[in-house]
Amino acid sequence: MSISSQASLPTPGKMSFFKLYEKYGLFVILLLLGATFTALNPNFLTLYNIQNIFKQSSINGLIAFGMTFVILLGCIDLSVGSILALVGLITGTLIVEFQVSSAIAIPVGLALGVLLGFINGALVAKVKLQPFIATLITMTVYRGITLILSNGLPVRNISQFSSTAEFINRGSLSIIPVSMLILLAIFAAIWVLLNKTVFGRHLFATGGNEEAARLSTVPTEKVKIWGYVLCGLLSSMAAVLYISRYNSIYPNAGIGIELDAIAAVVIGGTSMTGGKGRITGTLLGVLIIGMLNNGLNLLGVSSFYQEVIKGLVILVAVVIDIKKK
């Protein structure tokens, strides 16, 4: 064996570190964050605050689950926050202004999310736009439509007209809010989809090596479109949880939420280049981001500094991903 070949082999120390990190790293980070914030502020571990973390994490969790699909494809979706705002506005307006039943308004909102996701997927898969450019365009267009339809005004008091929204916001099973139960149920469905179905295998294959997957008869264009459709659907589900939690929807809702979603996905171990990742990791990443946001707010840390901290967290996660390769 040549000297250069020997040098290219990973050392046992590096291999063991990354194996340990993949298995236990996220759990250790959760425990350390919980212990640190509890020591700095005893209110962190109260029942009310834990439920608050769960409720906030459920919204970001659905966005992050959708983002996981497109990142597994080696793509990105910058429009998730705009989809949340537009779907939330349409759903809230139907309920409040037109007195439409939640049983009709919510499915209409979900269908709209599917349509918006399909547009994203078609631009990427059919028109062959770069995912960043395509979703930057739709992010701007969807937000503009939201501003036009709302005239810049919010829709308020949604729960007064919707018992479903009230139930999602206040209902719970023991200490677990309904919104978190919804997140866990969708997590289980996505786990099965990614790990036990043909679509899941095609998704990983397309993200890992699109050309090889296409030559192996994988319908890569359809897989990409479906990835974005699922992302749009999950973003619209997040919109339902959002209007239930905040009892209103503003035209600027969801701005910057894609940062938290991407952070959760990357922290969870999904490779930004596609083809490798776990939905379990995304769920843990969501809880880490939720705990980080909540803890920093309790400590009175400025939102400006919080953005810096989250950016650095993403940087560390990406570096770890590169080193694992």
Protein backbone atom coordinates (compact mmCIF):
# COMPACT_ATOMS: atom_id res chain seq x y z
CA MET A 1 0.00 0.00 0.00
CA SER A 2 1.34 3.44 -0.92
CA ILE A 3 1.99 6.19 1.58
CA SER A 4 -0.70 8.37 -0.04
CA SER A 5 -3.26 5.59 0.25
CA GLN A 6 -2.47 5.15 3.90
CA ALA A 7 -2.81 8.87 4.52
CA SER A 8 -6.28 8.92 2.99
CA LEU A 9 -7.66 6.40 5.47
CA PRO A 10 -9.59 7.86 8.44
CA THR A 11 -7.95 7.37 11.83
CA PRO A 12 -9.71 5.17 14.41
CA GLY A 13 -10.08 8.19 16.70
CA LYS A 14 -11.96 10.17 14.06
CA MET A 15 -14.13 7.21 13.15
CA SER A 16 -15.08 6.54 16.77
CA PHE A 17 -15.84 10.24 17.42
CA PHE A 18 -18.20 10.55 14.47
CA LYS A 19 -19.89 7.22 15.24
CA LEU A 20 -20.46 8.31 18.82
CA TYR A 21 -21.72 11.71 17.65
CA GLU A 22 -24.19 10.14 15.23
CA LYS A 23 -25.56 7.82 17.92
CA TYR A 24 -25.58 9.99 21.02
CA GLY A 25 -24.45 13.51 20.11
CA LEU A 26 -27.88 15.10 19.73
CA PHE A 27 -29.18 13.55 22.96
CA VAL A 28 -26.12 14.85 24.83
CA ILE A 29 -26.63 18.34 23.37
CA LEU A 30 -30.29 18.30 24.47
CA LEU A 31 -29.34 17.31 28.00
CA LEU A 32 -26.57 19.89 28.22
CA LEU A 33 -28.82 22.68 26.96
CA GLY A 34 -31.58 21.68 29.38
CA ALA A 35 -29.19 21.54 32.33
CA THR A 36 -27.53 24.85 31.43
CA PHE A 37 -30.74 26.84 30.96
CA THR A 38 -32.27 25.33 34.11
CA ALA A 39 -29.22 26.34 36.13
CA LEU A 40 -29.35 29.88 34.72
CA ASN A 41 -33.13 30.26 35.04
CA PRO A 42 -35.22 27.81 37.14
CA ASN A 43 -38.36 28.82 35.21
CA PHE A 44 -36.99 26.94 32.20
CA LEU A 45 -38.05 23.58 33.63
CA THR A 46 -41.60 24.56 34.59
CA LEU A 47 -44.54 22.69 33.05
CA TYR A 48 -45.81 25.85 31.35
CA ASN A 49 -42.46 26.53 29.71
CA ILE A 50 -41.99 22.92 28.57
CA GLN A 51 -45.42 23.02 26.91
CA ASN A 52 -44.46 26.35 25.35
CA ILE A 53 -41.32 24.76 23.86
CA PHE A 54 -43.40 21.87 22.51
CA LYS A 55 -45.94 24.21 20.89
CA GLN A 56 -43.30 26.36 19.24
CA SER A 57 -41.28 23.33 18.17
CA SER A 58 -44.31 21.76 16.52
CA ILE A 59 -44.59 24.65 14.06
CA ASN A 60 -40.90 24.68 13.24
CA GLY A 61 -40.91 20.87 13.23
CA LEU A 62 -43.40 20.60 10.38
CA ILE A 63 -41.44 23.15 8.36
CA ALA A 64 -38.21 21.25 9.10
CA PHE A 65 -39.75 17.91 8.11
CA GLY A 66 -40.68 19.41 4.75
CA MET A 67 -37.22 20.92 4.41
CA THR A 68 -35.74 17.48 5.09
CA PHE A 69 -37.35 16.13 1.92
CA VAL A 70 -35.84 18.81 -0.32
CA ILE A 71 -32.42 18.79 1.37
CA LEU A 72 -32.28 15.01 0.99
CA LEU A 73 -32.71 15.73 -2.72
CA GLY A 74 -29.72 18.07 -2.60
CA CYS A 75 -32.06 21.05 -3.01
CA ILE A 76 -33.34 23.89 -0.82
CA ASP A 77 -36.67 25.69 -0.31
CA LEU A 78 -36.57 29.34 0.74
CA SER A 79 -40.31 29.85 0.25
CA VAL A 80 -41.58 27.87 3.28
CA GLY A 81 -42.18 30.99 5.37
CA SER A 82 -44.09 32.67 2.55
CA ILE A 83 -46.20 29.53 2.06
CA LEU A 84 -47.00 29.55 5.77
CA ALA A 85 -48.12 33.18 5.59
CA LEU A 86 -50.21 32.82 2.43
CA VAL A 87 -51.91 29.59 3.52
CA GLY A 88 -52.49 31.00 7.00
CA LEU A 89 -54.02 34.16 5.54
CA ILE A 90 -56.35 32.27 3.18
CA THR A 91 -57.42 29.80 5.89
CA GLY A 92 -57.91 32.52 8.51
CA THR A 93 -59.84 34.76 6.10
CA LEU A 94 -62.18 31.93 5.13
CA ILE A 95 -62.89 31.20 8.80
CA VAL A 96 -63.24 34.77 10.08
CA GLU A 97 -64.46 36.85 7.14
CA PHE A 98 -66.56 34.28 5.28
CA GLN A 99 -67.62 32.15 8.26
CA VAL A 100 -66.50 28.98 6.49
CA SER A 101 -66.29 25.86 8.65
CA SER A 102 -62.80 24.71 9.67
CA ALA A 103 -63.65 21.35 8.11
CA ILE A 104 -63.64 23.11 4.74
CA ALA A 105 -61.21 26.01 5.29
CA ILE A 106 -58.34 23.87 6.56
CA PRO A 107 -58.41 21.37 3.64
CA VAL A 108 -58.56 24.34 1.24
CA GLY A 109 -55.44 25.74 2.90
CA LEU A 110 -53.66 22.38 2.71
CA ALA A 111 -54.57 22.05 -0.99
CA LEU A 112 -53.13 25.52 -1.59
CA GLY A 113 -49.89 24.45 0.10
CA VAL A 114 -49.70 21.42 -2.17
CA LEU A 115 -50.19 23.66 -5.23
CA LEU A 116 -47.49 26.10 -4.11
CA GLY A 117 -45.11 23.22 -3.45
CA PHE A 118 -45.88 21.77 -6.88
CA ILE A 119 -44.99 25.10 -8.51
CA ASN A 120 -41.65 25.05 -6.71
CA GLY A 121 -41.00 21.47 -7.81
CA ALA A 122 -41.95 22.16 -11.41
CA LEU A 123 -39.59 25.14 -11.59
CA VAL A 124 -36.74 23.00 -10.27
CA ALA A 125 -37.44 19.69 -12.03
CA LYS A 126 -39.04 20.80 -15.31
CA VAL A 127 -37.80 24.34 -15.94
CA LYS A 128 -34.37 23.35 -14.54
CA LEU A 129 -33.92 26.44 -12.40
CA GLN A 130 -31.44 26.21 -9.55
CA PRO A 131 -33.40 25.41 -6.35
CA PHE A 132 -32.03 28.49 -4.60
CA ILE A 133 -33.09 30.80 -7.45
CA ALA A 134 -36.44 29.09 -8.02
CA THR A 135 -37.54 29.26 -4.40
CA LEU A 136 -36.11 32.76 -3.94
CA ILE A 137 -38.45 33.83 -6.75
CA THR A 138 -41.47 32.04 -5.31
CA MET A 139 -40.65 33.27 -1.80
CA THR A 140 -40.95 36.83 -3.11
CA VAL A 141 -44.03 36.15 -5.24
CA TYR A 142 -45.94 34.26 -2.53
CA ARG A 143 -45.15 36.98 0.02
CA GLY A 144 -46.26 39.64 -2.44
CA ILE A 145 -49.57 37.85 -3.04
CA THR A 146 -50.08 37.66 0.73
CA LEU A 147 -49.53 41.41 1.06
CA ILE A 148 -51.88 42.16 -1.85
CA LEU A 149 -54.70 39.95 -0.56
CA SER A 150 -54.38 41.21 3.01
CA ASN A 151 -53.71 44.83 2.10
CA GLY A 152 -51.04 44.62 4.76
CA LEU A 153 -53.61 43.92 7.50
CA PRO A 154 -53.75 40.89 9.83
CA VAL A 155 -56.60 38.45 10.40
CA ARG A 156 -57.38 38.25 14.11
CA ASN A 157 -59.53 36.29 16.59
CA ILE A 158 -59.48 33.11 14.54
CA SER A 159 -60.13 30.83 17.53
CA GLN A 160 -63.43 32.64 18.23
CA PHE A 161 -64.74 31.34 14.93
CA SER A 162 -63.02 27.95 14.96
CA SER A 163 -63.32 25.37 17.72
CA THR A 164 -60.69 23.32 15.86
CA ALA A 165 -58.10 26.08 16.20
CA GLU A 166 -59.00 26.47 19.87
CA PHE A 167 -58.61 22.73 20.46
CA ILE A 168 -55.24 22.58 18.68
CA ASN A 169 -53.99 25.48 20.80
CA ARG A 170 -55.32 24.46 24.23
CA GLY A 171 -55.87 20.71 24.01
CA SER A 172 -53.34 18.28 25.48
CA LEU A 173 -52.74 14.67 26.45
CA SER A 174 -51.19 14.81 29.91
CA ILE A 175 -48.42 17.44 29.49
CA ILE A 176 -48.10 16.97 25.72
CA PRO A 177 -50.01 19.60 23.67
CA VAL A 178 -52.17 18.53 20.74
CA SER A 179 -49.85 20.36 18.35
CA MET A 180 -46.91 18.23 19.53
CA LEU A 181 -49.01 15.07 19.17
CA ILE A 182 -49.74 16.10 15.58
CA LEU A 183 -46.01 16.59 15.00
CA LEU A 184 -45.18 13.14 16.42
CA ALA A 185 -47.90 11.45 14.33
CA ILE A 186 -46.58 13.08 11.15
CA PHE A 187 -43.02 12.17 12.18
CA ALA A 188 -44.05 8.49 12.38
CA ALA A 189 -45.69 8.66 8.94
CA ILE A 190 -42.61 10.30 7.39
CA TRP A 191 -40.29 7.74 9.02
CA VAL A 192 -42.25 4.95 7.35
CA LEU A 193 -42.32 6.83 4.03
CA LEU A 194 -38.56 7.37 4.00
CA ASN A 195 -37.47 3.98 5.34
CA LYS A 196 -40.07 1.48 4.15
CA THR A 197 -41.29 2.63 0.74
CA VAL A 198 -40.05 2.75 -2.84
CA PHE A 199 -40.47 6.53 -2.85
CA GLY A 200 -38.10 6.79 0.11
CA ARG A 201 -35.44 4.75 -1.68
CA HIS A 202 -35.89 6.83 -4.82
CA LEU A 203 -35.57 10.04 -2.79
CA PHE A 204 -32.24 8.99 -1.27
CA ALA A 205 -30.99 7.71 -4.63
CA THR A 206 -31.88 10.95 -6.42
CA GLY A 207 -30.21 13.06 -3.76
CA GLY A 208 -27.13 10.84 -3.61
CA ASN A 209 -26.45 10.72 -7.36
CA GLU A 210 -29.17 12.03 -9.62
CA GLU A 211 -27.60 10.87 -12.89
CA ALA A 212 -26.96 7.35 -11.62
CA ALA A 213 -30.50 7.19 -10.26
CA ARG A 214 -31.93 8.33 -13.60
CA LEU A 215 -29.92 5.69 -15.45
CA SER A 216 -31.30 3.15 -12.99
CA THR A 217 -34.86 4.06 -14.15
CA VAL A 218 -35.66 6.19 -11.11
CA PRO A 219 -38.12 8.93 -12.22
CA THR A 220 -35.95 11.69 -10.79
CA GLU A 221 -38.08 14.59 -12.03
CA LYS A 222 -41.22 13.17 -10.40
CA VAL A 223 -39.32 12.45 -7.21
CA LYS A 224 -38.15 16.08 -7.04
CA ILE A 225 -41.63 17.41 -7.68
CA TRP A 226 -43.09 15.15 -5.00
CA GLY A 227 -40.38 16.26 -2.58
CA TYR A 228 -41.42 19.88 -3.03
CA VAL A 229 -45.12 18.98 -2.91
CA LEU A 230 -44.60 17.33 0.48
CA CYS A 231 -42.63 20.35 1.64
CA GLY A 232 -45.52 22.62 0.60
CA LEU A 233 -48.05 20.38 2.32
CA LEU A 234 -46.10 20.33 5.57
CA SER A 235 -45.62 24.11 5.42
CA SER A 236 -49.38 24.54 5.08
CA MET A 237 -49.91 22.21 8.05
CA ALA A 238 -47.53 24.44 9.99
CA ALA A 239 -49.73 27.39 8.97
CA VAL A 240 -52.73 25.70 10.61
CA LEU A 241 -50.78 25.23 13.84
CA TYR A 242 -49.53 28.82 13.58
CA ILE A 243 -52.98 30.43 13.35
CA SER A 244 -54.20 28.14 16.13
CA ARG A 245 -51.34 29.08 18.46
CA TYR A 246 -51.30 32.83 17.83
CA ASN A 247 -55.03 33.28 17.10
CA SER A 248 -54.09 35.54 14.20
CA ILE A 249 -52.01 35.74 11.05
CA TYR A 250 -49.97 38.73 9.89
CA PRO A 251 -48.71 39.22 6.32
CA ASN A 252 -45.11 39.08 7.59
CA ALA A 253 -45.64 35.79 9.43
CA GLY A 254 -42.95 33.17 8.86
CA ILE A 255 -40.17 35.55 7.85
CA GLY A 256 -36.90 33.86 8.77
CA ILE A 257 -38.52 30.57 9.75
CA GLU A 258 -36.58 28.83 6.99
CA LEU A 259 -33.38 29.55 8.95
CA ASP A 260 -34.63 27.61 11.98
CA ALA A 261 -35.83 24.79 9.72
CA ILE A 262 -32.52 24.50 7.86
CA ALA A 263 -30.66 24.66 11.17
CA ALA A 264 -32.75 21.82 12.60
CA VAL A 265 -32.25 19.65 9.51
CA VAL A 266 -28.49 20.22 9.36
CA ILE A 267 -28.04 19.76 13.11
CA GLY A 268 -30.00 16.53 12.75
CA GLY A 269 -27.33 15.16 10.42
CA THR A 270 -28.93 15.52 6.99
CA SER A 271 -26.23 16.33 4.44
CA MET A 272 -26.70 19.59 2.54
CA THR A 273 -25.43 17.83 -0.59
CA GLY A 274 -28.28 15.32 -0.41
CA GLY A 275 -28.64 11.57 -0.24
CA LYS A 276 -27.97 11.12 3.47
CA GLY A 277 -30.00 11.92 6.56
CA ARG A 278 -32.55 10.79 9.12
CA ILE A 279 -35.95 12.21 10.01
CA THR A 280 -35.20 11.20 13.61
CA GLY A 281 -32.22 13.54 13.54
CA THR A 282 -34.43 16.34 12.24
CA LEU A 283 -36.86 15.85 15.13
CA LEU A 284 -34.01 16.09 17.65
CA GLY A 285 -32.64 19.11 15.79
CA VAL A 286 -36.06 20.78 16.06
CA LEU A 287 -36.10 20.23 19.83
CA ILE A 288 -32.56 21.60 20.13
CA ILE A 289 -33.47 24.75 18.18
CA GLY A 290 -36.72 25.13 20.15
CA MET A 291 -34.87 24.77 23.44
CA LEU A 292 -32.16 27.17 22.30
CA ASN A 293 -34.67 29.85 21.22
CA ASN A 294 -36.72 29.50 24.39
CA GLY A 295 -33.74 29.46 26.73
CA LEU A 296 -32.13 32.51 25.15
CA ASN A 297 -35.43 34.39 25.36
CA LEU A 298 -35.77 33.53 29.05
CA LEU A 299 -32.26 34.82 29.65
CA GLY A 300 -33.12 38.06 27.89
CA VAL A 301 -30.60 37.60 25.08
CA SER A 302 -31.24 40.06 22.23
CA SER A 303 -32.76 38.63 19.05
CA PHE A 304 -29.79 40.10 17.16
CA TYR A 305 -27.38 37.92 19.11
CA GLN A 306 -29.71 34.93 18.74
CA GLU A 307 -29.38 35.13 14.95
CA VAL A 308 -25.60 35.12 15.30
CA ILE A 309 -25.73 32.10 17.61
CA LYS A 310 -28.00 30.15 15.25
CA GLY A 311 -25.75 30.98 12.32
CA LEU A 312 -22.74 29.66 14.23
CA VAL A 313 -24.68 26.51 15.16
CA ILE A 314 -25.38 25.87 11.47
CA LEU A 315 -21.71 26.48 10.67
CA VAL A 316 -20.59 23.91 13.25
CA ALA A 317 -23.12 21.35 11.98
CA VAL A 318 -21.99 21.82 8.36
CA VAL A 319 -18.31 21.48 9.33
CA ILE A 320 -19.10 18.25 11.18
CA ASP A 321 -20.94 16.99 8.08
CA ILE A 322 -17.90 17.79 5.90
CA LYS A 323 -15.51 16.10 8.32
CA LYS A 324 -17.68 12.97 8.43
CA LYS A 325 -17.27 12.67 4.69
